Protein backbone atom coordinates (compact mmCIF):
# COMPACT_ATOMS: atom_id res chain seq x y z
CA UNK A 1 38.18 -54.06 24.70
CA UNK A 2 35.09 -56.18 24.14
CA UNK A 3 33.20 -54.16 26.75
CA UNK A 4 34.03 -50.96 24.87
CA UNK A 5 32.77 -52.47 21.60
CA UNK A 6 29.56 -53.57 23.25
CA UNK A 7 29.07 -50.12 24.78
CA UNK A 8 29.78 -48.46 21.42
CA UNK A 9 27.30 -50.80 19.65
CA UNK A 10 24.63 -50.05 22.25
CA UNK A 11 25.24 -46.32 21.93
CA UNK A 12 25.03 -46.44 18.11
CA UNK A 13 21.81 -48.49 18.27
CA UNK A 14 20.31 -46.08 20.81
CA UNK A 15 21.26 -43.10 18.65
CA UNK A 16 19.74 -44.74 15.55
CA UNK A 17 16.48 -45.45 17.38
CA UNK A 18 16.38 -41.92 18.74
CA UNK A 19 16.93 -40.38 15.31
CA UNK A 20 14.40 -42.69 13.66
CA UNK A 21 11.78 -41.90 16.31
CA UNK A 22 8.70 -44.01 16.92
CA UNK A 23 6.84 -45.64 14.04
CA UNK A 24 3.83 -43.45 14.86
CA UNK A 25 3.23 -39.88 15.97
CA UNK A 26 2.74 -39.02 19.63
CA UNK A 27 -0.86 -37.98 19.02
CA UNK A 28 -1.90 -41.19 17.23
CA UNK A 29 -4.53 -43.13 19.19
CA UNK A 30 -4.15 -46.71 20.39
CA UNK A 31 -7.06 -48.48 18.70
CA UNK A 32 -8.97 -51.36 20.28
CA UNK A 33 -11.50 -53.13 18.02
CA UNK A 34 -14.39 -54.73 19.91
CA UNK A 35 -16.95 -57.10 18.42
CA UNK A 36 -19.79 -59.28 19.75
CA UNK A 37 -18.83 -62.80 20.82
CA UNK A 38 -19.74 -65.46 18.30
CA UNK A 39 -19.69 -63.11 15.31
CA UNK A 40 -17.30 -62.83 12.40
CA UNK A 41 -13.80 -61.46 13.05
CA UNK A 42 -13.48 -57.82 11.92
CA UNK A 43 -10.53 -56.49 9.97
CA UNK A 44 -9.56 -52.80 10.07
CA UNK A 45 -8.42 -51.40 6.71
CA UNK A 46 -6.76 -48.03 6.10
CA UNK A 47 -6.96 -46.03 2.90
CA UNK A 48 -3.68 -45.51 1.08
CA UNK A 49 -2.59 -42.33 -0.69
CA UNK A 50 -3.68 -43.89 -3.98
CA UNK A 51 -7.23 -44.47 -2.72
CA UNK A 52 -6.99 -48.24 -2.35
CA UNK A 53 -7.46 -50.10 0.95
CA UNK A 54 -4.86 -52.14 2.84
CA UNK A 55 -5.07 -54.15 6.04
CA UNK A 56 -4.07 -52.12 9.12
CA UNK A 57 -4.87 -54.74 11.78
CA UNK A 58 -7.40 -57.36 12.78
CA UNK A 59 -9.42 -57.46 15.98
CA UNK A 60 -8.68 -56.80 18.75
CA UNK A 61 -5.88 -54.65 17.19
CA UNK A 62 -4.57 -52.75 20.29
CA UNK A 63 -1.97 -50.73 18.41
CA UNK A 64 -1.41 -47.07 17.51
CA UNK A 65 -2.83 -46.06 14.14
CA UNK A 66 -2.48 -42.74 12.34
CA UNK A 67 -5.13 -40.22 13.31
CA UNK A 68 -6.82 -38.25 10.56
CA UNK A 69 -6.65 -41.10 8.00
CA UNK A 70 -9.65 -42.96 6.61
CA UNK A 71 -10.40 -46.43 7.97
CA UNK A 72 -13.15 -49.01 7.52
CA UNK A 73 -14.22 -52.33 9.03
CA UNK A 74 -14.72 -55.44 6.92
CA UNK A 75 -15.07 -59.17 7.30
CA UNK A 76 -13.49 -61.83 5.16
CA UNK A 77 -16.50 -61.58 2.86
CA UNK A 78 -19.35 -59.13 2.42
CA UNK A 79 -19.55 -55.38 2.21
CA UNK A 80 -17.25 -53.14 4.28
CA UNK A 81 -18.56 -50.46 6.60
CA UNK A 82 -18.68 -46.78 5.78
CA UNK A 83 -15.24 -45.18 6.10
CA UNK A 84 -14.43 -43.16 9.22
CA UNK A 85 -11.64 -40.98 10.64
CA UNK A 86 -9.82 -41.72 13.87
CA UNK A 87 -9.91 -38.80 16.31
CA UNK A 88 -6.76 -37.38 17.89
CA UNK A 89 -7.07 -38.92 21.34
CA UNK A 90 -4.95 -41.27 23.41
CA UNK A 91 -7.24 -44.34 23.12
CA UNK A 92 -10.11 -45.22 20.80
CA UNK A 93 -12.61 -48.08 20.85
CA UNK A 94 -14.03 -49.19 17.51
CA UNK A 95 -17.18 -51.26 18.02
CA UNK A 96 -17.50 -53.45 14.94
CA UNK A 97 -20.32 -55.58 13.65
CA UNK A 98 -19.43 -57.60 10.55
CA UNK A 99 -22.26 -58.43 8.17
CA UNK A 100 -22.64 -61.47 5.97
CA UNK A 101 -23.47 -61.72 2.27
CA UNK A 102 -26.26 -64.19 3.12
CA UNK A 103 -28.08 -61.49 5.11
CA UNK A 104 -27.88 -59.13 2.14
CA UNK A 105 -29.30 -61.79 -0.21
CA UNK A 106 -32.07 -62.95 2.15
CA UNK A 107 -32.99 -59.38 3.07
CA UNK A 108 -33.28 -58.45 -0.60
CA UNK A 109 -35.36 -61.54 -1.42
CA UNK A 110 -37.75 -60.91 1.49
CA UNK A 111 -38.12 -57.22 0.62
CA UNK A 112 -38.76 -57.80 -3.10
CA UNK A 113 -41.14 -60.72 -2.51
CA UNK A 114 -43.01 -58.70 0.11
CA UNK A 115 -43.24 -55.74 -2.24
CA UNK A 116 -44.74 -57.93 -4.97
CA UNK A 117 -47.25 -59.43 -2.50
CA UNK A 118 -48.14 -55.95 -1.23
CA UNK A 119 -48.77 -54.53 -4.72
CA UNK A 120 -50.61 -57.69 -5.84
CA UNK A 121 -52.84 -57.64 -2.77
CA UNK A 122 -53.62 -53.96 -3.30
CA UNK A 123 -54.51 -54.60 -6.95
CA UNK A 124 -56.66 -57.59 -5.99
CA UNK A 125 -58.51 -55.62 -3.31
CA UNK A 126 -59.35 -52.53 -5.40
CA UNK A 127 -59.78 -54.09 -8.86
CA UNK A 128 -63.37 -53.77 -10.06
CA UNK A 129 -64.74 -57.16 -10.88
CA UNK A 130 -67.84 -59.23 -11.07
CA UNK A 131 -71.18 -57.99 -9.91
CA UNK A 132 -71.29 -61.00 -7.56
CA UNK A 133 -70.75 -59.49 -4.11
CA UNK A 134 -69.58 -62.80 -2.57
CA UNK A 135 -66.76 -63.17 -5.12
CA UNK A 136 -65.81 -59.51 -4.69
CA UNK A 137 -65.81 -59.84 -0.88
CA UNK A 138 -63.57 -62.92 -1.05
CA UNK A 139 -61.18 -61.13 -3.39
CA UNK A 140 -60.97 -58.14 -1.02
CA UNK A 141 -60.23 -60.42 1.96
CA UNK A 142 -57.49 -62.24 0.03
CA UNK A 143 -56.09 -58.89 -1.18
CA UNK A 144 -55.95 -57.44 2.34
CA UNK A 145 -54.36 -60.65 3.65
CA UNK A 146 -51.77 -60.49 0.87
CA UNK A 147 -51.02 -56.82 1.71
CA UNK A 148 -50.51 -57.69 5.40
CA UNK A 149 -48.18 -60.59 4.58
CA UNK A 150 -46.35 -58.41 2.03
CA UNK A 151 -45.86 -55.57 4.52
CA UNK A 152 -44.50 -57.98 7.14
CA UNK A 153 -42.16 -59.54 4.57
CA UNK A 154 -40.86 -56.11 3.48
CA UNK A 155 -40.26 -55.15 7.12
CA UNK A 156 -38.41 -58.40 7.88
CA UNK A 157 -36.38 -58.06 4.70
CA UNK A 158 -35.30 -54.50 5.52
CA UNK A 159 -34.38 -55.49 9.09
CA UNK A 160 -32.32 -58.48 7.91
CA UNK A 161 -30.68 -56.30 5.29
CA UNK A 162 -29.85 -53.54 7.80
CA UNK A 163 -28.58 -55.77 10.61
CA UNK A 164 -26.71 -57.98 8.15
CA UNK A 165 -24.61 -55.01 7.04
CA UNK A 166 -21.17 -54.16 8.43
CA UNK A 167 -21.15 -51.29 10.93
CA UNK A 168 -18.48 -49.46 12.92
CA UNK A 169 -18.85 -46.99 15.80
CA UNK A 170 -15.82 -44.98 16.95
CA UNK A 171 -15.65 -44.00 20.64
CA UNK A 172 -12.78 -41.81 21.88
CA UNK A 173 -11.78 -42.85 25.42
CA UNK A 174 -9.05 -40.57 26.73
CA UNK A 175 -7.89 -37.13 25.61
CA UNK A 176 -4.27 -36.55 24.73
CA UNK A 177 -2.14 -35.44 27.67
CA UNK A 178 -1.47 -31.73 27.57
CA UNK A 179 2.16 -30.79 27.00
CA UNK A 180 3.61 -28.79 29.84
CA UNK A 181 5.60 -25.70 29.10
CA UNK A 182 9.25 -25.79 29.99
CA UNK A 183 8.93 -22.22 31.33
CA UNK A 184 7.17 -22.01 34.70
CA UNK A 185 6.58 -19.38 37.34
CA UNK A 186 7.52 -20.69 40.79
CA UNK A 187 6.36 -17.70 42.79
CA UNK A 188 9.86 -16.39 43.31
CA UNK A 189 10.97 -16.36 39.72
CA UNK A 190 10.84 -18.00 36.31
CA UNK A 191 12.26 -21.50 35.94
CA UNK A 192 13.29 -22.86 32.54
C-alpha cells in the first residue's frame, strides 16, 4: 500500500513538473559572465516590463536567461554599462569590466584642469603684450609649455574616464541545435 502511494506521489510530481515546463524557454542562452581577475565583481541586471532594473545574476552567472530582453552590467557602485540584448544561441559569454566612481571623478578633474591649462597657455602665447621681446619670448615659451601640459592632462583624463567606465561585450558561443523533423525519408518510404 505504501509503495502504491509513493508511486502515485512520484507520478503526480512528474506530471506537475511536465505541465509546468522548465523555468526558461528552450532557446534561452546559458550566460557566463567573465571579468578580469582583481577587478570589481559584476552584476547582471535585466529590465522589467515597467522599465526598472532588477538583479538577474552575479558573476560568473552560468544560468539560462531570457533571450531578447534588455540586460546591463553594473558594479556595486558607479555607472552601469549600456544595455544590450542576449542573442538566441545556446551559450553566451558576457565579458564585463566594472568601472569605479573614482575613475569618473579623477578623469573629469584631469580633463577640465587640462582644458583650462590648454586655453590659458594659448591665450598667454598669442596675447599681444609689451614691446620688450625678451618678456614676450618668455611668455610664449611658458604658454607653449602650458598648452603641452594641458593637452597631456586632457588626454590622461579622457583615458581614465573611458577605462573607468563599465563595459560589456556579448559573444555568442554556440548556435541553437536544429530541431529535426519527425517525418523522414528512409529511401524505401516515409517514416513518421
